[in-house]
Amino acid sequence: MSGGRIGAPLRDGLGSIVTYANGQTDIGAWNMEVPQRGLAIQSVRQNLPLLIDHGRVASTIDCRVYWGATVAGAADVARSALGITADGHLMWAAGEGMSVAALADTLLQANALRAV
């Protein structure tokens, strides 16, 4: 969703990057942690469920199918994620030849509270 236009219906529980009209951005599960009441939404980008929530890695971290299809079913591929710290700082992590678990561990080491 961007500028009031919806490309696809937003789904409850999915990891969502929400940017508000005041410029603030947050990450959380849709209709659980985001959006914040009373703030006008500028855009929402949804993805899979949260990779990290409340500072803990998703219980499905070792399920290859759960985290998206890859070419030839490879486990260690180019991956990226966006996370947020408890004080609202955004962080981006990426790398080639990474497992989902390695990406999540990188974000946890940088103090991510939530990530997609």
Protein backbone atom coordinates (compact mmCIF):
# COMPACT_ATOMS: atom_id res chain seq x y z
CA MET A 1 0.00 0.00 0.00
CA SER A 2 1.36 3.39 -0.91
CA GLY A 3 -0.30 6.78 -0.88
CA GLY A 4 -3.71 5.22 -0.29
CA ARG A 5 -3.41 2.81 -3.23
CA ILE A 6 -3.50 -0.89 -2.45
CA GLY A 7 -1.63 -3.28 -4.74
CA ALA A 8 -2.79 -6.35 -2.81
CA PRO A 9 -4.96 -6.75 0.28
CA LEU A 10 -3.00 -6.48 3.52
CA ARG A 11 -3.03 -9.70 5.53
CA ASP A 12 -3.25 -9.91 9.32
CA GLY A 13 -0.16 -11.27 11.03
CA LEU A 14 2.30 -10.78 8.18
CA GLY A 15 5.52 -8.91 8.79
CA SER A 16 4.92 -5.33 7.68
CA ILE A 17 7.12 -2.29 7.20
CA VAL A 18 4.90 0.70 7.90
CA THR A 19 5.88 4.28 7.13
CA TYR A 20 3.65 6.94 8.61
CA ALA A 21 2.87 10.37 7.17
CA ASN A 22 5.08 11.93 9.88
CA GLY A 23 8.11 10.06 8.46
CA GLN A 24 8.34 7.46 11.24
CA THR A 25 8.80 3.83 10.17
CA ASP A 26 8.01 0.73 12.21
CA ILE A 27 8.14 -3.02 11.64
CA GLY A 28 5.72 -5.52 13.11
CA ALA A 29 2.96 -8.04 12.52
CA TRP A 30 0.02 -6.37 10.73
CA ASN A 31 -2.93 -5.63 13.03
CA MET A 32 -0.93 -6.93 16.00
CA GLU A 33 2.07 -4.61 16.46
CA VAL A 34 1.40 -2.24 13.58
CA PRO A 35 -0.15 0.11 12.61
CA GLN A 36 -0.01 2.55 15.52
CA ARG A 37 -3.42 3.98 16.30
CA GLY A 38 -3.88 7.64 15.46
CA LEU A 39 -1.01 7.87 12.95
CA ALA A 40 -1.77 8.36 9.26
CA ILE A 41 -0.17 5.67 7.10
CA GLN A 42 1.86 6.65 4.04
CA SER A 43 2.92 3.14 2.95
CA VAL A 44 2.97 -0.52 3.97
CA ARG A 45 5.19 -3.25 2.57
CA GLN A 46 4.26 -6.76 3.65
CA ASN A 47 6.41 -9.83 3.45
CA LEU A 48 6.47 -13.22 5.11
CA PRO A 49 5.81 -13.54 8.85
CA LEU A 50 8.33 -11.80 11.10
CA LEU A 51 11.83 -13.28 11.06
CA ILE A 52 12.47 -11.80 14.51
CA ASP A 53 9.76 -10.77 16.97
CA HIS A 54 10.32 -9.44 20.49
CA GLY A 55 14.03 -10.16 20.05
CA ARG A 56 13.48 -13.85 19.32
CA VAL A 57 13.99 -15.75 16.07
CA ALA A 58 10.94 -17.33 14.45
CA SER A 59 10.40 -20.96 15.45
CA THR A 60 10.28 -21.86 11.74
CA ILE A 61 13.87 -20.70 11.12
CA ASP A 62 15.06 -24.13 9.93
CA CYS A 63 12.19 -24.72 7.50
CA ARG A 64 13.59 -23.91 4.04
CA VAL A 65 10.20 -23.84 2.30
CA TYR A 66 8.74 -21.41 4.83
CA TRP A 67 11.21 -18.62 4.00
CA GLY A 68 10.66 -18.53 0.25
CA ALA A 69 11.62 -20.57 -2.76
CA THR A 70 15.19 -20.36 -4.02
CA VAL A 71 16.81 -21.37 -7.30
CA ALA A 72 17.34 -25.13 -7.27
CA GLY A 73 16.19 -25.22 -3.62
CA ALA A 74 19.55 -23.96 -2.33
CA ALA A 75 19.65 -23.06 1.39
CA ASP A 76 22.52 -20.58 1.31
CA VAL A 77 21.67 -17.83 -1.18
CA ALA A 78 21.70 -14.04 -1.37
CA ARG A 79 19.36 -12.82 1.36
CA SER A 80 18.38 -9.52 2.95
CA ALA A 81 16.28 -8.32 5.85
CA LEU A 82 15.17 -5.09 7.47
CA GLY A 83 15.04 -4.84 11.25
CA ILE A 84 14.25 -2.29 13.91
CA THR A 85 15.73 -1.76 17.37
CA ALA A 86 13.75 -1.02 20.53
CA ASP A 87 14.55 2.69 20.15
CA GLY A 88 13.29 2.83 16.55
CA HIS A 89 16.54 2.64 14.58
CA LEU A 90 16.22 0.76 11.29
CA MET A 91 18.91 -1.69 10.19
CA TRP A 92 19.45 -3.57 6.97
CA ALA A 93 21.42 -6.80 6.70
CA ALA A 94 22.31 -8.67 3.53
CA GLY A 95 24.81 -11.12 2.17
CA GLU A 96 25.47 -13.77 -0.42
CA GLY A 97 25.56 -17.43 0.50
CA MET A 98 23.57 -16.93 3.72
CA SER A 99 21.13 -19.20 5.45
CA VAL A 100 18.00 -17.70 7.01
CA ALA A 101 19.42 -18.56 10.43
CA ALA A 102 22.68 -16.70 9.71
CA LEU A 103 20.75 -13.63 8.57
CA ALA A 104 18.60 -13.71 11.71
CA ASP A 105 21.68 -14.15 13.91
CA THR A 106 23.31 -11.11 12.29
CA LEU A 107 20.25 -9.00 13.09
CA LEU A 108 20.07 -10.28 16.66
CA GLN A 109 23.72 -9.38 17.22
CA ALA A 110 22.83 -5.83 16.12
CA ASN A 111 19.96 -5.78 18.70
CA ALA A 112 17.01 -6.14 16.34
CA LEU A 113 13.72 -6.26 18.20
CA ARG A 114 11.68 -7.15 15.09
CA ALA A 115 12.67 -7.96 11.49
CA VAL A 116 11.28 -9.00 8.12
